Amino acid sequence: MKNKEGECVYCGITAMLTTEHVIPRCLFTEPRPDNMITVPVCKDCNGHKSSNDDYLRDFLVTDHRTSEHPVAKQIFLGKALRSDSKK
């Protein structure tokens, strides 16, 4: 979708569009699903929304109700710990 001009589904401006994953890719383990939901958004909206992806991921995998799930454990031991070590 890069280099295509159109209307951003979040803010409504006409601009060059990027592909936004509605559910952040960081919430999935490999292999990711082939049918991930995406929408066309401007670069500013994509950057603004994605700036919170790591926080959302870390919150979800450390929540006491979800932290025992095997996928949450795998994400915590991989992406979440690596992210925390960079801070």
PDB file of N, CA and C in Angstrom:
ATOM      1  N   MET A   1       0.815  -1.192   0.000  1.00  0.00           N
ATOM      2  CA  MET A   1       0.000   0.000   0.000  1.00  0.00           C
ATOM      3  C   MET A   1       0.861   1.259   0.000  1.00  0.00           C
ATOM      4  N   LYS A   2       2.150   1.125   0.204  1.00  0.00           N
ATOM      5  CA  LYS A   2       3.011   2.301   0.198  1.00  0.00           C
ATOM      6  C   LYS A   2       2.984   2.964  -1.169  1.00  0.00           C
ATOM      7  N   ASN A   3       3.206   4.267  -1.164  1.00  0.00           N
ATOM      8  CA  ASN A   3       3.235   5.079  -2.379  1.00  0.00           C
ATOM      9  C   ASN A   3       1.886   5.127  -3.084  1.00  0.00           C
ATOM     10  N   LYS A   4       0.826   4.991  -2.326  1.00  0.00           N
ATOM     11  CA  LYS A   4      -0.507   5.131  -2.883  1.00  0.00           C
ATOM     12  C   LYS A   4      -1.205   6.247  -2.127  1.00  0.00           C
ATOM     13  N   GLU A   5      -1.718   7.210  -2.865  1.00  0.00           N
ATOM     14  CA  GLU A   5      -2.405   8.313  -2.219  1.00  0.00           C
ATOM     15  C   GLU A   5      -3.867   7.942  -2.013  1.00  0.00           C
ATOM     16  N   GLY A   6      -4.404   8.364  -0.882  1.00  0.00           N
ATOM     17  CA  GLY A   6      -5.800   8.088  -0.572  1.00  0.00           C
ATOM     18  C   GLY A   6      -6.192   8.735   0.738  1.00  0.00           C
ATOM     19  N   GLU A   7      -7.349   8.331   1.261  1.00  0.00           N
ATOM     20  CA  GLU A   7      -7.864   8.906   2.493  1.00  0.00           C
ATOM     21  C   GLU A   7      -7.518   8.020   3.685  1.00  0.00           C
ATOM     22  N   CYS A   8      -6.935   8.616   4.698  1.00  0.00           N
ATOM     23  CA  CYS A   8      -6.583   7.908   5.926  1.00  0.00           C
ATOM     24  C   CYS A   8      -7.874   7.551   6.666  1.00  0.00           C
ATOM     25  N   VAL A   9      -8.011   6.285   7.045  1.00  0.00           N
ATOM     26  CA  VAL A   9      -9.245   5.858   7.719  1.00  0.00           C
ATOM     27  C   VAL A   9      -9.327   6.387   9.147  1.00  0.00           C
ATOM     28  N   TYR A  10      -8.216   6.829   9.728  1.00  0.00           N
ATOM     29  CA  TYR A  10      -8.252   7.362  11.090  1.00  0.00           C
ATOM     30  C   TYR A  10      -8.554   8.853  11.132  1.00  0.00           C
ATOM     31  N   CYS A  11      -7.801   9.654  10.372  1.00  0.00           N
ATOM     32  CA  CYS A  11      -7.969  11.108  10.475  1.00  0.00           C
ATOM     33  C   CYS A  11      -8.702  11.727   9.290  1.00  0.00           C
ATOM     34  N   GLY A  12      -8.827  10.997   8.194  1.00  0.00           N
ATOM     35  CA  GLY A  12      -9.590  11.481   7.050  1.00  0.00           C
ATOM     36  C   GLY A  12      -8.846  12.366   6.074  1.00  0.00           C
ATOM     37  N   ILE A  13      -7.562  12.661   6.317  1.00  0.00           N
ATOM     38  CA  ILE A  13      -6.836  13.501   5.366  1.00  0.00           C
ATOM     39  C   ILE A  13      -6.456  12.687   4.135  1.00  0.00           C
ATOM     40  N   THR A  14      -6.221  13.378   3.039  1.00  0.00           N
ATOM     41  CA  THR A  14      -5.723  12.737   1.833  1.00  0.00           C
ATOM     42  C   THR A  14      -4.205  12.852   1.858  1.00  0.00           C
ATOM     43  N   ALA A  15      -3.534  11.716   1.791  1.00  0.00           N
ATOM     44  CA  ALA A  15      -2.072  11.682   1.897  1.00  0.00           C
ATOM     45  C   ALA A  15      -1.573  10.375   1.311  1.00  0.00           C
ATOM     46  N   MET A  16      -0.239  10.233   1.281  1.00  0.00           N
ATOM     47  CA  MET A  16       0.356   8.960   0.923  1.00  0.00           C
ATOM     48  C   MET A  16       0.067   8.005   2.077  1.00  0.00           C
ATOM     49  N   LEU A  17      -0.363   6.797   1.754  1.00  0.00           N
ATOM     50  CA  LEU A  17      -0.834   5.866   2.771  1.00  0.00           C
ATOM     51  C   LEU A  17       0.165   4.750   3.065  1.00  0.00           C
ATOM     52  N   THR A  18       0.098   4.257   4.276  1.00  0.00           N
ATOM     53  CA  THR A  18       0.857   3.090   4.697  1.00  0.00           C
ATOM     54  C   THR A  18      -0.146   2.050   5.185  1.00  0.00           C
ATOM     55  N   THR A  19       0.335   0.851   5.432  1.00  0.00           N
ATOM     56  CA  THR A  19      -0.522  -0.222   5.914  1.00  0.00           C
ATOM     57  C   THR A  19      -0.449  -0.289   7.432  1.00  0.00           C
ATOM     58  N   GLU A  20      -1.576  -0.176   8.087  1.00  0.00           N
ATOM     59  CA  GLU A  20      -1.670  -0.249   9.542  1.00  0.00           C
ATOM     60  C   GLU A  20      -2.283  -1.585   9.934  1.00  0.00           C
ATOM     61  N   HIS A  21      -1.612  -2.310  10.800  1.00  0.00           N
ATOM     62  CA  HIS A  21      -2.170  -3.554  11.338  1.00  0.00           C
ATOM     63  C   HIS A  21      -3.068  -3.179  12.510  1.00  0.00           C
ATOM     64  N   VAL A  22      -4.355  -3.443  12.390  1.00  0.00           N
ATOM     65  CA  VAL A  22      -5.311  -3.055  13.423  1.00  0.00           C
ATOM     66  C   VAL A  22      -4.935  -3.711  14.748  1.00  0.00           C
ATOM     67  N   ILE A  23      -4.625  -4.991  14.724  1.00  0.00           N
ATOM     68  CA  ILE A  23      -4.088  -5.682  15.899  1.00  0.00           C
ATOM     69  C   ILE A  23      -2.577  -5.750  15.673  1.00  0.00           C
ATOM     70  N   PRO A  24      -1.792  -5.144  16.554  1.00  0.00           N
ATOM     71  CA  PRO A  24      -0.347  -5.065  16.327  1.00  0.00           C
ATOM     72  C   PRO A  24       0.300  -6.437  16.113  1.00  0.00           C
ATOM     73  N   ARG A  25       1.243  -6.473  15.183  1.00  0.00           N
ATOM     74  CA  ARG A  25       1.957  -7.721  14.883  1.00  0.00           C
ATOM     75  C   ARG A  25       2.726  -8.241  16.080  1.00  0.00           C
ATOM     76  N   CYS A  26       3.126  -7.348  16.989  1.00  0.00           N
ATOM     77  CA  CYS A  26       3.908  -7.780  18.148  1.00  0.00           C
ATOM     78  C   CYS A  26       3.097  -8.630  19.129  1.00  0.00           C
ATOM     79  N   LEU A  27       1.789  -8.734  18.924  1.00  0.00           N
ATOM     80  CA  LEU A  27       0.958  -9.570  19.791  1.00  0.00           C
ATOM     81  C   LEU A  27       0.859 -11.004  19.300  1.00  0.00           C
ATOM     82  N   PHE A  28       1.575 -11.319  18.240  1.00  0.00           N
ATOM     83  CA  PHE A  28       1.545 -12.662  17.663  1.00  0.00           C
ATOM     84  C   PHE A  28       2.929 -13.282  17.705  1.00  0.00           C
ATOM     85  N   THR A  29       2.959 -14.591  17.794  1.00  0.00           N
ATOM     86  CA  THR A  29       4.213 -15.309  17.654  1.00  0.00           C
ATOM     87  C   THR A  29       4.329 -15.766  16.200  1.00  0.00           C
ATOM     88  N   GLU A  30       5.529 -16.148  15.810  1.00  0.00           N
ATOM     89  CA  GLU A  30       5.746 -16.665  14.455  1.00  0.00           C
ATOM     90  C   GLU A  30       5.216 -18.087  14.357  1.00  0.00           C
ATOM     91  N   PRO A  31       4.674 -18.490  13.289  1.00  0.00           N
ATOM     92  CA  PRO A  31       4.320 -17.698  12.115  1.00  0.00           C
ATOM     93  C   PRO A  31       3.044 -16.900  12.383  1.00  0.00           C
ATOM     94  N   ARG A  32       3.039 -15.677  11.900  1.00  0.00           N
ATOM     95  CA  ARG A  32       1.863 -14.826  12.071  1.00  0.00           C
ATOM     96  C   ARG A  32       0.753 -15.290  11.130  1.00  0.00           C
ATOM     97  N   PRO A  33      -0.495 -14.983  11.493  1.00  0.00           N
ATOM     98  CA  PRO A  33      -1.607 -15.352  10.610  1.00  0.00           C
ATOM     99  C   PRO A  33      -1.484 -14.648   9.252  1.00  0.00           C
ATOM    100  N   ASP A  34      -1.959 -15.298   8.216  1.00  0.00           N
ATOM    101  CA  ASP A  34      -1.935 -14.710   6.875  1.00  0.00           C
ATOM    102  C   ASP A  34      -3.033 -13.669   6.677  1.00  0.00           C
ATOM    103  N   ASN A  35      -4.052 -13.707   7.520  1.00  0.00           N
ATOM    104  CA  ASN A  35      -5.222 -12.860   7.303  1.00  0.00           C
ATOM    105  C   ASN A  35      -5.334 -11.727   8.324  1.00  0.00           C
ATOM    106  N   MET A  36      -4.211 -11.107   8.667  1.00  0.00           N
ATOM    107  CA  MET A  36      -4.240 -10.010   9.627  1.00  0.00           C
ATOM    108  C   MET A  36      -4.987  -8.818   9.039  1.00  0.00           C
ATOM    109  N   ILE A  37      -5.799  -8.182   9.860  1.00  0.00           N
ATOM    110  CA  ILE A  37      -6.615  -7.051   9.413  1.00  0.00           C
ATOM    111  C   ILE A  37      -5.739  -5.815   9.293  1.00  0.00           C
ATOM    112  N   THR A  38      -5.774  -5.184   8.115  1.00  0.00           N
ATOM    113  CA  THR A  38      -5.022  -3.959   7.884  1.00  0.00           C
ATOM    114  C   THR A  38      -5.945  -2.891   7.323  1.00  0.00           C
ATOM    115  N   VAL A  39      -5.563  -1.638   7.534  1.00  0.00           N
ATOM    116  CA  VAL A  39      -6.306  -0.506   6.999  1.00  0.00           C
ATOM    117  C   VAL A  39      -5.314   0.506   6.440  1.00  0.00           C
ATOM    118  N   PRO A  40      -5.740   1.321   5.463  1.00  0.00           N
ATOM    119  CA  PRO A  40      -4.859   2.348   4.901  1.00  0.00           C
ATOM    120  C   PRO A  40      -4.865   3.602   5.772  1.00  0.00           C
ATOM    121  N   VAL A  41      -3.678   4.005   6.244  1.00  0.00           N
ATOM    122  CA  VAL A  41      -3.569   5.192   7.095  1.00  0.00           C
ATOM    123  C   VAL A  41      -2.379   6.034   6.669  1.00  0.00           C
ATOM    124  N   CYS A  42      -2.419   7.300   7.054  1.00  0.00           N
ATOM    125  CA  CYS A  42      -1.288   8.185   6.767  1.00  0.00           C
ATOM    126  C   CYS A  42      -0.125   7.836   7.698  1.00  0.00           C
ATOM    127  N   LYS A  43       1.047   8.299   7.354  1.00  0.00           N
ATOM    128  CA  LYS A  43       2.253   7.989   8.121  1.00  0.00           C
ATOM    129  C   LYS A  43       2.149   8.488   9.561  1.00  0.00           C
ATOM    130  N   ASP A  44       1.590   9.680   9.758  1.00  0.00           N
ATOM    131  CA  ASP A  44       1.468  10.226  11.111  1.00  0.00           C
ATOM    132  C   ASP A  44       0.585   9.355  11.996  1.00  0.00           C
ATOM    133  N   CYS A  45      -0.571   8.944  11.493  1.00  0.00           N
ATOM    134  CA  CYS A  45      -1.478   8.109  12.286  1.00  0.00           C
ATOM    135  C   CYS A  45      -0.848   6.746  12.569  1.00  0.00           C
ATOM    136  N   ASN A  46      -0.175   6.181  11.573  1.00  0.00           N
ATOM    137  CA  ASN A  46       0.461   4.883  11.761  1.00  0.00           C
ATOM    138  C   ASN A  46       1.537   4.980  12.845  1.00  0.00           C
ATOM    139  N   GLY A  47       2.354   6.013  12.782  1.00  0.00           N
ATOM    140  CA  GLY A  47       3.411   6.193  13.770  1.00  0.00           C
ATOM    141  C   GLY A  47       2.869   6.448  15.162  1.00  0.00           C
ATOM    142  N   HIS A  48       1.798   7.243  15.250  1.00  0.00           N
ATOM    143  CA  HIS A  48       1.214   7.553  16.556  1.00  0.00           C
ATOM    144  C   HIS A  48       0.639   6.302  17.209  1.00  0.00           C
ATOM    145  N   LYS A  49      -0.116   5.521  16.447  1.00  0.00           N
ATOM    146  CA  LYS A  49      -0.723   4.320  17.015  1.00  0.00           C
ATOM    147  C   LYS A  49       0.343   3.285  17.367  1.00  0.00           C
ATOM    148  N   SER A  50       1.318   3.098  16.499  1.00  0.00           N
ATOM    149  CA  SER A  50       2.318   2.067  16.749  1.00  0.00           C
ATOM    150  C   SER A  50       3.259   2.421  17.901  1.00  0.00           C
ATOM    151  N   SER A  51       3.294   3.686  18.301  1.00  0.00           N
ATOM    152  CA  SER A  51       4.171   4.062  19.417  1.00  0.00           C
ATOM    153  C   SER A  51       3.722   3.424  20.727  1.00  0.00           C
ATOM    154  N   ASN A  52       2.485   2.960  20.789  1.00  0.00           N
ATOM    155  CA  ASN A  52       1.969   2.325  22.004  1.00  0.00           C
ATOM    156  C   ASN A  52       1.932   0.799  21.926  1.00  0.00           C
ATOM    157  N   ASP A  53       2.362   0.217  20.821  1.00  0.00           N
ATOM    158  CA  ASP A  53       2.266  -1.230  20.633  1.00  0.00           C
ATOM    159  C   ASP A  53       3.049  -2.019  21.686  1.00  0.00           C
ATOM    160  N   ASP A  54       4.288  -1.608  21.965  1.00  0.00           N
ATOM    161  CA  ASP A  54       5.094  -2.341  22.942  1.00  0.00           C
ATOM    162  C   ASP A  54       4.485  -2.253  24.336  1.00  0.00           C
ATOM    163  N   TYR A  55       3.981  -1.088  24.693  1.00  0.00           N
ATOM    164  CA  TYR A  55       3.331  -0.938  25.998  1.00  0.00           C
ATOM    165  C   TYR A  55       2.131  -1.879  26.114  1.00  0.00           C
ATOM    166  N   LEU A  56       1.289  -1.912  25.083  1.00  0.00           N
ATOM    167  CA  LEU A  56       0.122  -2.793  25.086  1.00  0.00           C
ATOM    168  C   LEU A  56       0.563  -4.246  25.213  1.00  0.00           C
ATOM    169  N   ARG A  57       1.560  -4.653  24.430  1.00  0.00           N
ATOM    170  CA  ARG A  57       2.065  -6.026  24.485  1.00  0.00           C
ATOM    171  C   ARG A  57       2.548  -6.377  25.879  1.00  0.00           C
ATOM    172  N   ASP A  58       3.373  -5.519  26.459  1.00  0.00           N
ATOM    173  CA  ASP A  58       3.931  -5.805  27.774  1.00  0.00           C
ATOM    174  C   ASP A  58       2.855  -5.843  28.849  1.00  0.00           C
ATOM    175  N   PHE A  59       1.874  -4.970  28.742  1.00  0.00           N
ATOM    176  CA  PHE A  59       0.764  -4.971  29.695  1.00  0.00           C
ATOM    177  C   PHE A  59      -0.017  -6.276  29.609  1.00  0.00           C
ATOM    178  N   LEU A  60      -0.332  -6.698  28.406  1.00  0.00           N
ATOM    179  CA  LEU A  60      -1.134  -7.907  28.240  1.00  0.00           C
ATOM    180  C   LEU A  60      -0.411  -9.173  28.698  1.00  0.00           C
ATOM    181  N   VAL A  61       0.879  -9.272  28.427  1.00  0.00           N
ATOM    182  CA  VAL A  61       1.585 -10.510  28.786  1.00  0.00           C
ATOM    183  C   VAL A  61       1.972 -10.557  30.254  1.00  0.00           C
ATOM    184  N   THR A  62       1.860  -9.462  30.986  1.00  0.00           N
ATOM    185  CA  THR A  62       2.161  -9.481  32.416  1.00  0.00           C
ATOM    186  C   THR A  62       0.907  -9.409  33.280  1.00  0.00           C
ATOM    187  N   ASP A  63      -0.248  -9.254  32.675  1.00  0.00           N
ATOM    188  CA  ASP A  63      -1.503  -9.224  33.413  1.00  0.00           C
ATOM    189  C   ASP A  63      -1.728 -10.582  34.077  1.00  0.00           C
ATOM    190  N   HIS A  64      -2.143 -10.590  35.328  1.00  0.00           N
ATOM    191  CA  HIS A  64      -2.290 -11.850  36.064  1.00  0.00           C
ATOM    192  C   HIS A  64      -3.322 -12.793  35.453  1.00  0.00           C
ATOM    193  N   ARG A  65      -4.276 -12.276  34.686  1.00  0.00           N
ATOM    194  CA  ARG A  65      -5.293 -13.140  34.082  1.00  0.00           C
ATOM    195  C   ARG A  65      -4.825 -13.788  32.789  1.00  0.00           C
ATOM    196  N   THR A  66      -3.826 -13.226  32.156  1.00  0.00           N
ATOM    197  CA  THR A  66      -3.386 -13.761  30.865  1.00  0.00           C
ATOM    198  C   THR A  66      -1.952 -14.280  30.871  1.00  0.00           C
ATOM    199  N   SER A  67      -1.194 -13.969  31.878  1.00  0.00           N
ATOM    200  CA  SER A  67       0.246 -14.272  31.866  1.00  0.00           C
ATOM    201  C   SER A  67       0.574 -15.761  31.856  1.00  0.00           C
ATOM    202  N   GLU A  68      -0.352 -16.610  32.238  1.00  0.00           N
ATOM    203  CA  GLU A  68      -0.084 -18.048  32.249  1.00  0.00           C
ATOM    204  C   GLU A  68      -0.373 -18.730  30.909  1.00  0.00           C
ATOM    205  N   HIS A  69      -0.946 -18.003  29.974  1.00  0.00           N
ATOM    206  CA  HIS A  69      -1.224 -18.579  28.655  1.00  0.00           C
ATOM    207  C   HIS A  69       0.112 -18.867  27.962  1.00  0.00           C
ATOM    208  N   PRO A  70       0.233 -20.000  27.271  1.00  0.00           N
ATOM    209  CA  PRO A  70       1.512 -20.345  26.615  1.00  0.00           C
ATOM    210  C   PRO A  70       2.021 -19.290  25.638  1.00  0.00           C
ATOM    211  N   VAL A  71       1.143 -18.665  24.885  1.00  0.00           N
ATOM    212  CA  VAL A  71       1.588 -17.634  23.940  1.00  0.00           C
ATOM    213  C   VAL A  71       2.072 -16.401  24.694  1.00  0.00           C
ATOM    214  N   ALA A  72       1.371 -16.023  25.765  1.00  0.00           N
ATOM    215  CA  ALA A  72       1.805 -14.876  26.572  1.00  0.00           C
ATOM    216  C   ALA A  72       3.183 -15.143  27.175  1.00  0.00           C
ATOM    217  N   LYS A  73       3.405 -16.351  27.655  1.00  0.00           N
ATOM    218  CA  LYS A  73       4.710 -16.708  28.212  1.00  0.00           C
ATOM    219  C   LYS A  73       5.807 -16.615  27.154  1.00  0.00           C
ATOM    220  N   GLN A  74       5.509 -17.096  25.957  1.00  0.00           N
ATOM    221  CA  GLN A  74       6.501 -17.062  24.877  1.00  0.00           C
ATOM    222  C   GLN A  74       6.834 -15.616  24.504  1.00  0.00           C
ATOM    223  N   ILE A  75       5.824 -14.770  24.385  1.00  0.00           N
ATOM    224  CA  ILE A  75       6.066 -13.363  24.044  1.00  0.00           C
ATOM    225  C   ILE A  75       6.826 -12.668  25.174  1.00  0.00           C
ATOM    226  N   PHE A  76       6.447 -12.945  26.416  1.00  0.00           N
ATOM    227  CA  PHE A  76       7.131 -12.329  27.555  1.00  0.00           C
ATOM    228  C   PHE A  76       8.607 -12.696  27.570  1.00  0.00           C
ATOM    229  N   LEU A  77       8.905 -13.975  27.405  1.00  0.00           N
ATOM    230  CA  LEU A  77      10.290 -14.426  27.462  1.00  0.00           C
ATOM    231  C   LEU A  77      11.119 -13.951  26.269  1.00  0.00           C
ATOM    232  N   GLY A  78      10.477 -13.577  25.204  1.00  0.00           N
ATOM    233  CA  GLY A  78      11.192 -13.100  24.022  1.00  0.00           C
ATOM    234  C   GLY A  78      11.134 -11.582  23.900  1.00  0.00           C
ATOM    235  N   LYS A  79      10.096 -11.109  23.254  1.00  0.00           N
ATOM    236  CA  LYS A  79       9.982  -9.687  22.904  1.00  0.00           C
ATOM    237  C   LYS A  79       9.928  -8.762  24.121  1.00  0.00           C
ATOM    238  N   ALA A  80       9.141  -9.134  25.133  1.00  0.00           N
ATOM    239  CA  ALA A  80       8.966  -8.240  26.270  1.00  0.00           C
ATOM    240  C   ALA A  80      10.256  -8.065  27.066  1.00  0.00           C
ATOM    241  N   LEU A  81      10.961  -9.142  27.325  1.00  0.00           N
ATOM    242  CA  LEU A  81      12.220  -9.030  28.067  1.00  0.00           C
ATOM    243  C   LEU A  81      13.280  -8.290  27.262  1.00  0.00           C
ATOM    244  N   ARG A  82      13.352  -8.541  25.955  1.00  0.00           N
ATOM    245  CA  ARG A  82      14.315  -7.805  25.114  1.00  0.00           C
ATOM    246  C   ARG A  82      13.988  -6.323  25.115  1.00  0.00           C
ATOM    247  N   SER A  83      12.718  -5.985  25.040  1.00  0.00           N
ATOM    248  CA  SER A  83      12.301  -4.580  25.041  1.00  0.00           C
ATOM    249  C   SER A  83      12.675  -3.907  26.351  1.00  0.00           C
ATOM    250  N   ASP A  84      12.470  -4.617  27.458  1.00  0.00           N
ATOM    251  CA  ASP A  84      12.776  -4.055  28.769  1.00  0.00           C
ATOM    252  C   ASP A  84      14.277  -3.848  28.950  1.00  0.00           C
ATOM    253  N   SER A  85      15.085  -4.719  28.390  1.00  0.00           N
ATOM    254  CA  SER A  85      16.538  -4.588  28.539  1.00  0.00           C
ATOM    255  C   SER A  85      17.091  -3.396  27.757  1.00  0.00           C
ATOM    256  N   LYS A  86      16.329  -2.876  26.793  1.00  0.00           N
ATOM    257  CA  LYS A  86      16.767  -1.717  25.999  1.00  0.00           C
ATOM    258  C   LYS A  86      16.467  -0.399  26.689  1.00  0.00           C
ATOM    259  N   LYS A  87      15.641  -0.418  27.724  1.00  0.00           N
ATOM    260  CA  LYS A  87      15.243   0.834  28.400  1.00  0.00           C
ATOM    261  C   LYS A  87      16.279   1.307  29.372  1.00  0.00           C
TER     262      LYS A  87
END
